[in-house]
């Protein structure tokens, strides 16, 4: 199995999209800071993944999720998660006023 996955950075509140044959091991490497693009973006949360039968399909899906249409797909797919981020941000803002 090959996986396409999306991580959410708690530091900069942005997404990282990648693919791997071993999702658990790859996520562990992200968490330990062994992956350069996400090493400085801790903490990370796995918010979405898809399983594919081939590496080529996983890579194709990764490219799609990084495109404009793919980002819209993710926004619709993760609507509840994204809504909770807005609520948390608003609550923190109100608490500091």
Protein backbone atom coordinates (compact mmCIF):
# COMPACT_ATOMS: atom_id res chain seq x y z
CA UNK A 1 0.00 0.00 0.00
CA UNK A 2 1.09 3.57 -0.65
CA UNK A 3 -0.33 6.59 1.12
CA UNK A 4 -0.94 10.22 0.32
CA UNK A 5 -1.23 12.27 3.50
CA UNK A 6 -1.80 15.79 4.79
CA UNK A 7 -0.25 17.17 7.97
CA UNK A 8 -1.32 20.32 9.79
CA UNK A 9 1.33 22.44 11.49
CA UNK A 10 0.36 23.82 14.87
CA UNK A 11 3.13 26.40 14.58
CA UNK A 12 2.35 28.13 11.28
CA UNK A 13 -1.17 26.67 10.83
CA UNK A 14 -0.38 25.50 7.30
CA UNK A 15 -0.66 22.13 5.60
CA UNK A 16 2.04 19.79 4.29
CA UNK A 17 1.13 17.14 1.70
CA UNK A 18 3.27 14.09 0.98
CA UNK A 19 3.22 10.41 0.11
CA UNK A 20 4.87 7.32 1.55
CA UNK A 21 4.80 3.54 1.46
CA UNK A 22 4.85 3.37 5.27
CA UNK A 23 2.61 6.10 6.71
CA UNK A 24 3.32 5.38 10.39
CA UNK A 25 7.07 5.43 9.95
CA UNK A 26 6.96 8.55 7.78
CA UNK A 27 4.79 10.40 10.31
CA UNK A 28 7.19 9.37 13.09
CA UNK A 29 10.07 10.87 11.09
CA UNK A 30 8.07 14.09 10.68
CA UNK A 31 7.41 14.23 14.43
CA UNK A 32 11.09 13.63 15.27
CA UNK A 33 12.20 16.43 12.94
CA UNK A 34 13.98 14.19 10.41
CA UNK A 35 12.03 15.65 7.46
CA UNK A 36 13.52 19.02 6.54
CA UNK A 37 10.35 20.76 5.22
CA UNK A 38 8.47 20.09 8.48
CA UNK A 39 11.29 20.03 11.05
CA UNK A 40 10.68 23.65 12.10
CA UNK A 41 6.89 23.41 11.92
CA UNK A 42 6.21 21.31 15.04
CA UNK A 43 3.78 20.22 16.40
CA UNK A 44 2.26 18.33 13.49
CA UNK A 45 -1.07 16.57 13.28
CA UNK A 46 -2.09 13.99 10.67
CA UNK A 47 -5.43 15.33 9.42
CA UNK A 48 -6.02 13.33 6.23
CA UNK A 49 -4.72 10.32 4.33
CA UNK A 50 -5.66 8.12 1.40
CA UNK A 51 -4.45 4.60 0.57
CA UNK A 52 -3.40 3.80 -3.01
CA UNK A 53 -2.40 0.52 -4.61
CA UNK A 54 0.63 1.89 -6.42
CA UNK A 55 3.30 4.52 -5.82
CA UNK A 56 2.40 6.20 -9.10
CA UNK A 57 -1.22 6.64 -7.98
CA UNK A 58 -0.12 8.04 -4.59
CA UNK A 59 2.22 10.54 -6.28
CA UNK A 60 -0.49 11.56 -8.73
CA UNK A 61 -2.91 12.09 -5.85
CA UNK A 62 -0.31 14.16 -3.98
CA UNK A 63 0.10 16.43 -7.01
CA UNK A 64 -3.69 16.80 -7.24
CA UNK A 65 -4.04 17.71 -3.55
CA UNK A 66 -1.39 20.41 -4.00
CA UNK A 67 -3.30 21.95 -6.94
CA UNK A 68 -6.05 24.55 -6.70
CA UNK A 69 -8.79 21.95 -7.21
CA UNK A 70 -7.13 19.65 -4.70
CA UNK A 71 -6.96 22.39 -2.07
CA UNK A 72 -10.67 23.08 -2.58
CA UNK A 73 -11.36 19.34 -2.23
CA UNK A 74 -9.42 19.24 1.06
CA UNK A 75 -11.14 22.37 2.35
CA UNK A 76 -14.53 20.73 1.74
CA UNK A 77 -13.37 17.37 3.10
CA UNK A 78 -11.92 18.90 6.29
CA UNK A 79 -14.68 21.47 6.87
CA UNK A 80 -15.31 20.40 10.48
CA UNK A 81 -11.62 20.45 11.37
CA UNK A 82 -11.10 23.84 9.74
CA UNK A 83 -14.19 25.24 11.47
CA UNK A 84 -12.82 24.19 14.86
CA UNK A 85 -9.60 26.08 14.11
CA UNK A 86 -11.53 29.29 13.50
CA UNK A 87 -13.52 28.87 16.71
CA UNK A 88 -10.34 28.25 18.73
CA UNK A 89 -8.70 31.31 17.22
CA UNK A 90 -11.71 33.49 17.97
CA UNK A 91 -11.95 32.22 21.54
CA UNK A 92 -8.28 32.95 22.20
CA UNK A 93 -8.65 36.40 20.68
CA UNK A 94 -11.70 37.19 22.83
CA UNK A 95 -9.95 35.97 26.00
CA UNK A 96 -7.06 38.40 25.51
CA UNK A 97 -9.24 41.51 25.03
